[in-house]
Amino acid sequence: EGAVEAAYDVDGNGRIVKVEILKSLGYGCDEEVIRLIKLLKF
């Protein structure tokens, strides 16, 4: 259990262009957060 903190960039069109994990938890949680962030639309 715990929290994963990530930083990401949103380009001018609202798409995610870069994702970086700031606070890792491991055990597949980091990859799940990256997957979720890449699905976001702004």
PDB file of all heavy atoms in Angstrom:
ATOM      1  N   GLU A   1       0.853  -1.175   0.000  1.00  0.00           N
ATOM      2  CA  GLU A   1       0.000   0.000   0.000  1.00  0.00           C
ATOM      3  C   GLU A   1       0.893   1.230   0.000  1.00  0.00           C
ATOM      4  O   GLU A   1       2.032   1.175   0.452  1.00  0.00           O
ATOM      5  CB  GLU A   1      -0.888   0.055   1.249  1.00  0.00           C
ATOM      6  CG  GLU A   1      -2.035  -0.890   1.254  1.00  0.00           C
ATOM      7  CD  GLU A   1      -2.945  -0.669   2.453  1.00  0.00           C
ATOM      8  OE1 GLU A   1      -2.451  -0.297   3.535  1.00  0.00           O
ATOM      9  OE2 GLU A   1      -4.153  -0.869   2.296  1.00  0.00           O
ATOM     10  N   GLY A   2       0.365   2.340  -0.502  1.00  0.00           N
ATOM     11  CA  GLY A   2       1.130   3.579  -0.488  1.00  0.00           C
ATOM     12  C   GLY A   2       0.686   4.487  -1.612  1.00  0.00           C
ATOM     13  O   GLY A   2      -0.385   4.317  -2.192  1.00  0.00           O
ATOM     14  N   ALA A   3       1.534   5.462  -1.922  1.00  0.00           N
ATOM     15  CA  ALA A   3       1.206   6.445  -2.946  1.00  0.00           C
ATOM     16  C   ALA A   3       2.341   6.543  -3.956  1.00  0.00           C
ATOM     17  O   ALA A   3       3.511   6.420  -3.602  1.00  0.00           O
ATOM     18  CB  ALA A   3       0.949   7.802  -2.315  1.00  0.00           C
ATOM     19  N   VAL A   4       1.953   6.765  -5.202  1.00  0.00           N
ATOM     20  CA  VAL A   4       2.903   7.020  -6.278  1.00  0.00           C
ATOM     21  C   VAL A   4       2.662   8.451  -6.731  1.00  0.00           C
ATOM     22  O   VAL A   4       1.524   8.835  -6.995  1.00  0.00           O
ATOM     23  CB  VAL A   4       2.706   6.038  -7.458  1.00  0.00           C
ATOM     24  CG1 VAL A   4       3.605   6.410  -8.622  1.00  0.00           C
ATOM     25  CG2 VAL A   4       2.957   4.616  -7.019  1.00  0.00           C
ATOM     26  N   GLU A   5       3.734   9.230  -6.800  1.00  0.00           N
ATOM     27  CA  GLU A   5       3.618  10.604  -7.265  1.00  0.00           C
ATOM     28  C   GLU A   5       4.330  10.716  -8.605  1.00  0.00           C
ATOM     29  O   GLU A   5       5.454  10.250  -8.758  1.00  0.00           O
ATOM     30  CB  GLU A   5       4.234  11.569  -6.248  1.00  0.00           C
ATOM     31  CG  GLU A   5       3.878  13.002  -6.519  1.00  0.00           C
ATOM     32  CD  GLU A   5       4.327  13.919  -5.390  1.00  0.00           C
ATOM     33  OE1 GLU A   5       4.465  13.456  -4.251  1.00  0.00           O
ATOM     34  OE2 GLU A   5       4.535  15.095  -5.683  1.00  0.00           O
ATOM     35  N   ALA A   6       3.654  11.347  -9.556  1.00  0.00           N
ATOM     36  CA  ALA A   6       4.206  11.469 -10.901  1.00  0.00           C
ATOM     37  C   ALA A   6       4.087  12.906 -11.400  1.00  0.00           C
ATOM     38  O   ALA A   6       3.170  13.633 -11.027  1.00  0.00           O
ATOM     39  CB  ALA A   6       3.468  10.533 -11.857  1.00  0.00           C
ATOM     40  N   ALA A   7       5.038  13.300 -12.234  1.00  0.00           N
ATOM     41  CA  ALA A   7       5.001  14.598 -12.910  1.00  0.00           C
ATOM     42  C   ALA A   7       4.838  14.308 -14.396  1.00  0.00           C
ATOM     43  O   ALA A   7       5.383  13.331 -14.915  1.00  0.00           O
ATOM     44  CB  ALA A   7       6.285  15.367 -12.650  1.00  0.00           C
ATOM     45  N   TYR A   8       4.069  15.142 -15.076  1.00  0.00           N
ATOM     46  CA  TYR A   8       3.861  14.937 -16.504  1.00  0.00           C
ATOM     47  C   TYR A   8       3.663  16.272 -17.196  1.00  0.00           C
ATOM     48  O   TYR A   8       3.354  17.284 -16.564  1.00  0.00           O
ATOM     49  CB  TYR A   8       2.681  13.999 -16.763  1.00  0.00           C
ATOM     50  CG  TYR A   8       1.375  14.441 -16.154  1.00  0.00           C
ATOM     51  CD1 TYR A   8       0.427  15.130 -16.903  1.00  0.00           C
ATOM     52  CD2 TYR A   8       1.078  14.150 -14.827  1.00  0.00           C
ATOM     53  CE1 TYR A   8      -0.777  15.520 -16.341  1.00  0.00           C
ATOM     54  CE2 TYR A   8      -0.114  14.541 -14.261  1.00  0.00           C
ATOM     55  CZ  TYR A   8      -1.037  15.228 -15.029  1.00  0.00           C
ATOM     56  OH  TYR A   8      -2.230  15.622 -14.457  1.00  0.00           O
ATOM     57  N   ASP A   9       3.892  16.275 -18.497  1.00  0.00           N
ATOM     58  CA  ASP A   9       3.734  17.476 -19.308  1.00  0.00           C
ATOM     59  C   ASP A   9       2.521  17.320 -20.202  1.00  0.00           C
ATOM     60  O   ASP A   9       2.284  16.243 -20.766  1.00  0.00           O
ATOM     61  CB  ASP A   9       4.973  17.719 -20.175  1.00  0.00           C
ATOM     62  CG  ASP A   9       6.212  18.043 -19.350  1.00  0.00           C
ATOM     63  OD1 ASP A   9       6.049  18.438 -18.182  1.00  0.00           O
ATOM     64  OD2 ASP A   9       7.326  17.912 -19.877  1.00  0.00           O
ATOM     65  N   VAL A  10       1.763  18.411 -20.323  1.00  0.00           N
ATOM     66  CA  VAL A  10       0.604  18.455 -21.204  1.00  0.00           C
ATOM     67  C   VAL A  10       0.934  19.454 -22.305  1.00  0.00           C
ATOM     68  O   VAL A  10       1.231  20.620 -22.019  1.00  0.00           O
ATOM     69  CB  VAL A  10      -0.663  18.904 -20.438  1.00  0.00           C
ATOM     70  CG1 VAL A  10      -1.861  18.927 -21.366  1.00  0.00           C
ATOM     71  CG2 VAL A  10      -0.912  18.005 -19.244  1.00  0.00           C
ATOM     72  N   ASP A  11       0.908  19.001 -23.562  1.00  0.00           N
ATOM     73  CA  ASP A  11       1.234  19.926 -24.645  1.00  0.00           C
ATOM     74  C   ASP A  11       0.057  20.855 -24.944  1.00  0.00           C
ATOM     75  O   ASP A  11      -1.001  20.755 -24.322  1.00  0.00           O
ATOM     76  CB  ASP A  11       1.699  19.167 -25.891  1.00  0.00           C
ATOM     77  CG  ASP A  11       0.599  18.404 -26.603  1.00  0.00           C
ATOM     78  OD1 ASP A  11      -0.578  18.520 -26.215  1.00  0.00           O
ATOM     79  OD2 ASP A  11       0.924  17.692 -27.562  1.00  0.00           O
ATOM     80  N   GLY A  12       0.237  21.762 -25.888  1.00  0.00           N
ATOM     81  CA  GLY A  12      -0.779  22.753 -26.222  1.00  0.00           C
ATOM     82  C   GLY A  12      -2.080  22.165 -26.727  1.00  0.00           C
ATOM     83  O   GLY A  12      -3.125  22.816 -26.699  1.00  0.00           O
ATOM     84  N   ASN A  13      -2.047  20.928 -27.190  1.00  0.00           N
ATOM     85  CA  ASN A  13      -3.263  20.268 -27.684  1.00  0.00           C
ATOM     86  C   ASN A  13      -3.958  19.440 -26.614  1.00  0.00           C
ATOM     87  O   ASN A  13      -4.957  18.782 -26.893  1.00  0.00           O
ATOM     88  CB  ASN A  13      -2.931  19.382 -28.884  1.00  0.00           C
ATOM     89  CG  ASN A  13      -2.547  20.196 -30.088  1.00  0.00           C
ATOM     90  OD1 ASN A  13      -3.149  21.228 -30.358  1.00  0.00           O
ATOM     91  ND2 ASN A  13      -1.526  19.748 -30.812  1.00  0.00           N
ATOM     92  N   GLY A  14      -3.415  19.398 -25.408  1.00  0.00           N
ATOM     93  CA  GLY A  14      -4.038  18.655 -24.315  1.00  0.00           C
ATOM     94  C   GLY A  14      -3.593  17.211 -24.204  1.00  0.00           C
ATOM     95  O   GLY A  14      -4.179  16.436 -23.456  1.00  0.00           O
ATOM     96  N   ARG A  15      -2.541  16.845 -24.923  1.00  0.00           N
ATOM     97  CA  ARG A  15      -2.037  15.467 -24.875  1.00  0.00           C
ATOM     98  C   ARG A  15      -0.879  15.354 -23.904  1.00  0.00           C
ATOM     99  O   ARG A  15      -0.118  16.300 -23.708  1.00  0.00           O
ATOM    100  CB  ARG A  15      -1.566  15.028 -26.264  1.00  0.00           C
ATOM    101  CG  ARG A  15      -2.682  14.966 -27.284  1.00  0.00           C
ATOM    102  CD  ARG A  15      -2.117  14.600 -28.612  1.00  0.00           C
ATOM    103  NE  ARG A  15      -1.152  15.648 -28.996  1.00  0.00           N
ATOM    104  CZ  ARG A  15      -0.889  15.998 -30.237  1.00  0.00           C
ATOM    105  NH1 ARG A  15      -1.483  15.403 -31.230  1.00  0.00           N
ATOM    106  NH2 ARG A  15      -0.005  16.943 -30.496  1.00  0.00           N
ATOM    107  N   ILE A  16      -0.722  14.182 -23.324  1.00  0.00           N
ATOM    108  CA  ILE A  16       0.385  13.905 -22.408  1.00  0.00           C
ATOM    109  C   ILE A  16       1.615  13.582 -23.247  1.00  0.00           C
ATOM    110  O   ILE A  16       1.572  12.714 -24.116  1.00  0.00           O
ATOM    111  CB  ILE A  16       0.050  12.717 -21.481  1.00  0.00           C
ATOM    112  CG1 ILE A  16      -1.286  12.938 -20.761  1.00  0.00           C
ATOM    113  CG2 ILE A  16       1.172  12.455 -20.502  1.00  0.00           C
ATOM    114  CD1 ILE A  16      -1.344  14.155 -19.889  1.00  0.00           C
ATOM    115  N   VAL A  17       2.721  14.300 -22.989  1.00  0.00           N
ATOM    116  CA  VAL A  17       3.922  14.080 -23.793  1.00  0.00           C
ATOM    117  C   VAL A  17       5.071  13.458 -23.017  1.00  0.00           C
ATOM    118  O   VAL A  17       5.940  12.840 -23.603  1.00  0.00           O
ATOM    119  CB  VAL A  17       4.393  15.392 -24.470  1.00  0.00           C
ATOM    120  CG1 VAL A  17       3.404  15.813 -25.526  1.00  0.00           C
ATOM    121  CG2 VAL A  17       4.608  16.497 -23.473  1.00  0.00           C
ATOM    122  N   LYS A  18       5.084  13.609 -21.698  1.00  0.00           N
ATOM    123  CA  LYS A  18       6.195  13.075 -20.913  1.00  0.00           C
ATOM    124  C   LYS A  18       5.695  12.762 -19.509  1.00  0.00           C
ATOM    125  O   LYS A  18       5.004  13.567 -18.902  1.00  0.00           O
ATOM    126  CB  LYS A  18       7.309  14.120 -20.851  1.00  0.00           C
ATOM    127  CG  LYS A  18       8.517  13.718 -20.058  1.00  0.00           C
ATOM    128  CD  LYS A  18       9.519  14.860 -20.049  1.00  0.00           C
ATOM    129  CE  LYS A  18      10.436  14.726 -18.865  1.00  0.00           C
ATOM    130  NZ  LYS A  18      11.282  15.906 -18.706  1.00  0.00           N
ATOM    131  N   VAL A  19       6.056  11.579 -18.991  1.00  0.00           N
ATOM    132  CA  VAL A  19       5.655  11.178 -17.636  1.00  0.00           C
ATOM    133  C   VAL A  19       6.908  10.751 -16.885  1.00  0.00           C
ATOM    134  O   VAL A  19       7.735  10.004 -17.407  1.00  0.00           O
ATOM    135  CB  VAL A  19       4.645  10.007 -17.663  1.00  0.00           C
ATOM    136  CG1 VAL A  19       4.230   9.630 -16.263  1.00  0.00           C
ATOM    137  CG2 VAL A  19       3.446  10.339 -18.514  1.00  0.00           C
ATOM    138  N   GLU A  20       7.029  11.234 -15.648  1.00  0.00           N
ATOM    139  CA  GLU A  20       8.174  10.885 -14.819  1.00  0.00           C
ATOM    140  C   GLU A  20       7.671  10.567 -13.407  1.00  0.00           C
ATOM    141  O   GLU A  20       6.858  11.311 -12.851  1.00  0.00           O
ATOM    142  CB  GLU A  20       9.137  12.074 -14.760  1.00  0.00           C
ATOM    143  CG  GLU A  20      10.361  11.840 -13.931  1.00  0.00           C
ATOM    144  CD  GLU A  20      11.252  13.078 -13.869  1.00  0.00           C
ATOM    145  OE1 GLU A  20      11.068  14.011 -14.654  1.00  0.00           O
ATOM    146  OE2 GLU A  20      12.122  13.097 -12.981  1.00  0.00           O
ATOM    147  N   ILE A  21       8.144   9.468 -12.841  1.00  0.00           N
ATOM    148  CA  ILE A  21       7.761   9.081 -11.482  1.00  0.00           C
ATOM    149  C   ILE A  21       8.665   9.816 -10.492  1.00  0.00           C
ATOM    150  O   ILE A  21       9.886   9.712 -10.562  1.00  0.00           O
ATOM    151  CB  ILE A  21       7.873   7.549 -11.289  1.00  0.00           C
ATOM    152  CG1 ILE A  21       6.952   6.806 -12.258  1.00  0.00           C
ATOM    153  CG2 ILE A  21       7.569   7.165  -9.848  1.00  0.00           C
ATOM    154  CD1 ILE A  21       5.491   7.069 -12.052  1.00  0.00           C
ATOM    155  N   LEU A  22       8.037  10.565  -9.575  1.00  0.00           N
ATOM    156  CA  LEU A  22       8.782  11.305  -8.556  1.00  0.00           C
ATOM    157  C   LEU A  22       8.937  10.493  -7.275  1.00  0.00           C
ATOM    158  O   LEU A  22       9.986  10.512  -6.648  1.00  0.00           O
ATOM    159  CB  LEU A  22       8.076  12.628  -8.237  1.00  0.00           C
ATOM    160  CG  LEU A  22       7.880  13.589  -9.403  1.00  0.00           C
ATOM    161  CD1 LEU A  22       7.091  14.797  -8.961  1.00  0.00           C
ATOM    162  CD2 LEU A  22       9.228  13.994  -9.978  1.00  0.00           C
ATOM    163  N   LYS A  23       7.866   9.803  -6.878  1.00  0.00           N
ATOM    164  CA  LYS A  23       7.894   8.960  -5.672  1.00  0.00           C
ATOM    165  C   LYS A  23       7.410   7.579  -6.085  1.00  0.00           C
ATOM    166  O   LYS A  23       6.255   7.398  -6.450  1.00  0.00           O
ATOM    167  CB  LYS A  23       6.988   9.544  -4.593  1.00  0.00           C
ATOM    168  CG  LYS A  23       7.002   8.755  -3.313  1.00  0.00           C
ATOM    169  CD  LYS A  23       6.069   9.338  -2.282  1.00  0.00           C
ATOM    170  CE  LYS A  23       5.993   8.423  -1.086  1.00  0.00           C
ATOM    171  NZ  LYS A  23       4.844   8.736  -0.259  1.00  0.00           N
ATOM    172  N   SER A  24       8.303   6.617  -6.014  1.00  0.00           N
ATOM    173  CA  SER A  24       8.026   5.268  -6.501  1.00  0.00           C
ATOM    174  C   SER A  24       7.522   4.362  -5.384  1.00  0.00           C
ATOM    175  O   SER A  24       7.871   4.531  -4.222  1.00  0.00           O
ATOM    176  CB  SER A  24       9.297   4.684  -7.105  1.00  0.00           C
ATOM    177  OG  SER A  24       9.078   3.362  -7.514  1.00  0.00           O
ATOM    178  N   LEU A  25       6.696   3.396  -5.774  1.00  0.00           N
ATOM    179  CA  LEU A  25       6.212   2.387  -4.838  1.00  0.00           C
ATOM    180  C   LEU A  25       6.666   0.996  -5.273  1.00  0.00           C
ATOM    181  O   LEU A  25       6.833   0.112  -4.453  1.00  0.00           O
ATOM    182  CB  LEU A  25       4.681   2.451  -4.767  1.00  0.00           C
ATOM    183  CG  LEU A  25       3.994   1.714  -3.652  1.00  0.00           C
ATOM    184  CD1 LEU A  25       4.486   2.191  -2.300  1.00  0.00           C
ATOM    185  CD2 LEU A  25       2.496   1.922  -3.737  1.00  0.00           C
ATOM    186  N   GLY A  26       6.883   0.820  -6.563  1.00  0.00           N
ATOM    187  CA  GLY A  26       7.342  -0.462  -7.082  1.00  0.00           C
ATOM    188  C   GLY A  26       6.217  -1.473  -7.196  1.00  0.00           C
ATOM    189  O   GLY A  26       5.043  -1.135  -7.084  1.00  0.00           O
ATOM    190  N   TYR A  27       6.556  -2.737  -7.441  1.00  0.00           N
ATOM    191  CA  TYR A  27       5.621  -3.862  -7.531  1.00  0.00           C
ATOM    192  C   TYR A  27       4.553  -3.647  -8.601  1.00  0.00           C
ATOM    193  O   TYR A  27       3.428  -4.093  -8.467  1.00  0.00           O
ATOM    194  CB  TYR A  27       4.959  -4.137  -6.174  1.00  0.00           C
ATOM    195  CG  TYR A  27       5.945  -4.521  -5.109  1.00  0.00           C
ATOM    196  CD1 TYR A  27       6.457  -3.579  -4.237  1.00  0.00           C
ATOM    197  CD2 TYR A  27       6.372  -5.836  -4.994  1.00  0.00           C
ATOM    198  CE1 TYR A  27       7.378  -3.925  -3.268  1.00  0.00           C
ATOM    199  CE2 TYR A  27       7.289  -6.198  -4.031  1.00  0.00           C
ATOM    200  CZ  TYR A  27       7.796  -5.245  -3.165  1.00  0.00           C
ATOM    201  OH  TYR A  27       8.711  -5.599  -2.206  1.00  0.00           O
ATOM    202  N   GLY A  28       4.881  -2.909  -9.667  1.00  0.00           N
ATOM    203  CA  GLY A  28       3.941  -2.695 -10.762  1.00  0.00           C
ATOM    204  C   GLY A  28       3.067  -1.466 -10.606  1.00  0.00           C
ATOM    205  O   GLY A  28       2.337  -1.107 -11.517  1.00  0.00           O
ATOM    206  N   CYS A  29       3.120  -0.809  -9.457  1.00  0.00           N
ATOM    207  CA  CYS A  29       2.276   0.375  -9.215  1.00  0.00           C
ATOM    208  C   CYS A  29       2.721   1.565 -10.069  1.00  0.00           C
ATOM    209  O   CYS A  29       1.884   2.307 -10.587  1.00  0.00           O
ATOM    210  CB  CYS A  29       2.299   0.758  -7.740  1.00  0.00           C
ATOM    211  SG  CYS A  29       1.594  -0.506  -6.661  1.00  0.00           S
ATOM    212  N   ASP A  30       4.038   1.728 -10.237  1.00  0.00           N
ATOM    213  CA  ASP A  30       4.546   2.839 -11.048  1.00  0.00           C
ATOM    214  C   ASP A  30       4.078   2.722 -12.489  1.00  0.00           C
ATOM    215  O   ASP A  30       3.624   3.702 -13.100  1.00  0.00           O
ATOM    216  CB  ASP A  30       6.073   2.875 -11.015  1.00  0.00           C
ATOM    217  CG  ASP A  30       6.627   3.036  -9.609  1.00  0.00           C
ATOM    218  OD1 ASP A  30       5.855   3.388  -8.697  1.00  0.00           O
ATOM    219  OD2 ASP A  30       7.845   2.806  -9.430  1.00  0.00           O
ATOM    220  N   GLU A  31       4.142   1.514 -13.036  1.00  0.00           N
ATOM    221  CA  GLU A  31       3.721   1.284 -14.412  1.00  0.00           C
ATOM    222  C   GLU A  31       2.223   1.543 -14.573  1.00  0.00           C
ATOM    223  O   GLU A  31       1.766   2.055 -15.600  1.00  0.00           O
ATOM    224  CB  GLU A  31       4.063  -0.142 -14.859  1.00  0.00           C
ATOM    225  CG  GLU A  31       5.549  -0.404 -15.011  1.00  0.00           C
ATOM    226  CD  GLU A  31       6.278  -0.680 -13.695  1.00  0.00           C
ATOM    227  OE1 GLU A  31       5.608  -0.795 -12.630  1.00  0.00           O
ATOM    228  OE2 GLU A  31       7.513  -0.761 -13.717  1.00  0.00           O
ATOM    229  N   GLU A  32       1.439   1.201 -13.553  1.00  0.00           N
ATOM    230  CA  GLU A  32       0.000   1.430 -13.606  1.00  0.00           C
ATOM    231  C   GLU A  32      -0.315   2.926 -13.617  1.00  0.00           C
ATOM    232  O   GLU A  32      -1.204   3.379 -14.337  1.00  0.00           O
ATOM    233  CB  GLU A  32      -0.696   0.740 -12.423  1.00  0.00           C
ATOM    234  CG  GLU A  32      -2.182   0.948 -12.368  1.00  0.00           C
ATOM    235  CD  GLU A  32      -2.928   0.397 -13.566  1.00  0.00           C
ATOM    236  OE1 GLU A  32      -2.375  -0.407 -14.340  1.00  0.00           O
ATOM    237  OE2 GLU A  32      -4.100   0.787 -13.741  1.00  0.00           O
ATOM    238  N   VAL A  33       0.420   3.704 -12.831  1.00  0.00           N
ATOM    239  CA  VAL A  33       0.205   5.155 -12.814  1.00  0.00           C
ATOM    240  C   VAL A  33       0.582   5.760 -14.169  1.00  0.00           C
ATOM    241  O   VAL A  33      -0.140   6.610 -14.694  1.00  0.00           O
ATOM    242  CB  VAL A  33       1.001   5.813 -11.657  1.00  0.00           C
ATOM    243  CG1 VAL A  33       1.001   7.331 -11.784  1.00  0.00           C
ATOM    244  CG2 VAL A  33       0.415   5.390 -10.331  1.00  0.00           C
ATOM    245  N   ILE A  34       1.677   5.318 -14.752  1.00  0.00           N
ATOM    246  CA  ILE A  34       2.079   5.811 -16.080  1.00  0.00           C
ATOM    247  C   ILE A  34       0.998   5.478 -17.105  1.00  0.00           C
ATOM    248  O   ILE A  34       0.627   6.310 -17.931  1.00  0.00           O
ATOM    249  CB  ILE A  34       3.449   5.232 -16.483  1.00  0.00           C
ATOM    250  CG1 ILE A  34       4.538   5.822 -15.590  1.00  0.00           C
ATOM    251  CG2 ILE A  34       3.742   5.488 -17.952  1.00  0.00           C
ATOM    252  CD1 ILE A  34       5.897   5.172 -15.740  1.00  0.00           C
ATOM    253  N   ARG A  35       0.461   4.259 -17.046  1.00  0.00           N
ATOM    254  CA  ARG A  35      -0.609   3.862 -17.981  1.00  0.00           C
ATOM    255  C   ARG A  35      -1.818   4.769 -17.829  1.00  0.00           C
ATOM    256  O   ARG A  35      -2.386   5.243 -18.812  1.00  0.00           O
ATOM    257  CB  ARG A  35      -1.005   2.407 -17.723  1.00  0.00           C
ATOM    258  CG  ARG A  35      -2.073   1.885 -18.673  1.00  0.00           C
ATOM    259  CD  ARG A  35      -2.605   0.534 -18.223  1.00  0.00           C
ATOM    260  NE  ARG A  35      -3.457   0.635 -17.067  1.00  0.00           N
ATOM    261  CZ  ARG A  35      -4.753   0.958 -17.097  1.00  0.00           C
ATOM    262  NH1 ARG A  35      -5.338   1.244 -18.246  1.00  0.00           N
ATOM    263  NH2 ARG A  35      -5.467   1.005 -15.986  1.00  0.00           N
ATOM    264  N   LEU A  36      -2.217   5.047 -16.582  1.00  0.00           N
ATOM    265  CA  LEU A  36      -3.376   5.903 -16.338  1.00  0.00           C
ATOM    266  C   LEU A  36      -3.161   7.322 -16.843  1.00  0.00           C
ATOM    267  O   LEU A  36      -4.041   7.911 -17.467  1.00  0.00           O
ATOM    268  CB  LEU A  36      -3.690   5.945 -14.838  1.00  0.00           C
ATOM    269  CG  LEU A  36      -4.493   4.804 -14.267  1.00  0.00           C
ATOM    270  CD1 LEU A  36      -4.620   4.948 -12.765  1.00  0.00           C
ATOM    271  CD2 LEU A  36      -5.857   4.731 -14.899  1.00  0.00           C
ATOM    272  N   ILE A  37      -1.988   7.878 -16.562  1.00  0.00           N
ATOM    273  CA  ILE A  37      -1.707   9.254 -16.968  1.00  0.00           C
ATOM    274  C   ILE A  37      -1.724   9.379 -18.485  1.00  0.00           C
ATOM    275  O   ILE A  37      -2.233  10.356 -19.033  1.00  0.00           O
ATOM    276  CB  ILE A  37      -0.376   9.738 -16.366  1.00  0.00           C
ATOM    277  CG1 ILE A  37      -0.538   9.932 -14.853  1.00  0.00           C
ATOM    278  CG2 ILE A  37       0.085  11.036 -17.016  1.00  0.00           C
ATOM    279  CD1 ILE A  37       0.732  10.291 -14.120  1.00  0.00           C
ATOM    280  N   LYS A  38      -1.217   8.376 -19.182  1.00  0.00           N
ATOM    281  CA  LYS A  38      -1.207   8.432 -20.650  1.00  0.00           C
ATOM    282  C   LYS A  38      -2.610   8.372 -21.245  1.00  0.00           C
ATOM    283  O   LYS A  38      -2.818   8.758 -22.390  1.00  0.00           O
ATOM    284  CB  LYS A  38      -0.333   7.314 -21.218  1.00  0.00           C
ATOM    285  CG  LYS A  38       1.143   7.582 -21.005  1.00  0.00           C
ATOM    286  CD  LYS A  38       1.995   6.515 -21.636  1.00  0.00           C
ATOM    287  CE  LYS A  38       3.464   6.848 -21.466  1.00  0.00           C
ATOM    288  NZ  LYS A  38       4.337   5.838 -22.082  1.00  0.00           N
ATOM    289  N   LEU A  39      -3.595   7.923 -20.473  1.00  0.00           N
ATOM    290  CA  LEU A  39      -4.980   7.879 -20.945  1.00  0.00           C
ATOM    291  C   LEU A  39      -5.697   9.221 -20.794  1.00  0.00           C
ATOM    292  O   LEU A  39      -6.764   9.417 -21.375  1.00  0.00           O
ATOM    293  CB  LEU A  39      -5.768   6.822 -20.172  1.00  0.00           C
ATOM    294  CG  LEU A  39      -5.373   5.366 -20.386  1.00  0.00           C
ATOM    295  CD1 LEU A  39      -6.168   4.466 -19.450  1.00  0.00           C
ATOM    296  CD2 LEU A  39      -5.586   4.958 -21.831  1.00  0.00           C
ATOM    297  N   LEU A  40      -5.133  10.141 -20.006  1.00  0.00           N
ATOM    298  CA  LEU A  40      -5.801  11.415 -19.718  1.00  0.00           C
ATOM    299  C   LEU A  40      -5.850  12.320 -20.949  1.00  0.00           C
ATOM    300  O   LEU A  40      -4.928  12.339 -21.755  1.00  0.00           O
ATOM    301  CB  LEU A  40      -5.081  12.150 -18.580  1.00  0.00           C
ATOM    302  CG  LEU A  40      -5.046  11.446 -17.237  1.00  0.00           C
ATOM    303  CD1 LEU A  40      -4.209  12.255 -16.253  1.00  0.00           C
ATOM    304  CD2 LEU A  40      -6.433  11.237 -16.688  1.00  0.00           C
ATOM    305  N   LYS A  41      -6.929  13.090 -21.052  1.00  0.00           N
ATOM    306  CA  LYS A  41      -7.107  14.089 -22.114  1.00  0.00           C
ATOM    307  C   LYS A  41      -7.432  15.419 -21.454  1.00  0.00           C
ATOM    308  O   LYS A  41      -8.362  15.504 -20.663  1.00  0.00           O
ATOM    309  CB  LYS A  41      -8.254  13.694 -23.049  1.00  0.00           C
ATOM    310  CG  LYS A  41      -8.086  12.352 -23.722  1.00  0.00           C
ATOM    311  CD  LYS A  41      -7.134  12.446 -24.861  1.00  0.00           C
ATOM    312  CE  LYS A  41      -7.116  11.125 -25.606  1.00  0.00           C
ATOM    313  NZ  LYS A  41      -5.841  10.597 -25.821  1.00  0.00           N
ATOM    314  N   PHE A  42      -6.675  16.444 -21.785  1.00  0.00           N
ATOM    315  CA  PHE A  42      -6.864  17.769 -21.208  1.00  0.00           C
ATOM    316  C   PHE A  42      -7.361  18.749 -22.256  1.00  0.00           C
ATOM    317  O   PHE A  42      -7.234  18.515 -23.463  1.00  0.00           O
ATOM    318  CB  PHE A  42      -5.539  18.280 -20.621  1.00  0.00           C
ATOM    319  CG  PHE A  42      -5.159  17.623 -19.329  1.00  0.00           C
ATOM    320  CD1 PHE A  42      -4.521  16.396 -19.319  1.00  0.00           C
ATOM    321  CD2 PHE A  42      -5.441  18.226 -18.125  1.00  0.00           C
ATOM    322  CE1 PHE A  42      -4.172  15.785 -18.130  1.00  0.00           C
ATOM    323  CE2 PHE A  42      -5.102  17.626 -16.924  1.00  0.00           C
ATOM    324  CZ  PHE A  42      -4.464  16.403 -16.931  1.00  0.00           C
TER     325      PHE A  42
END
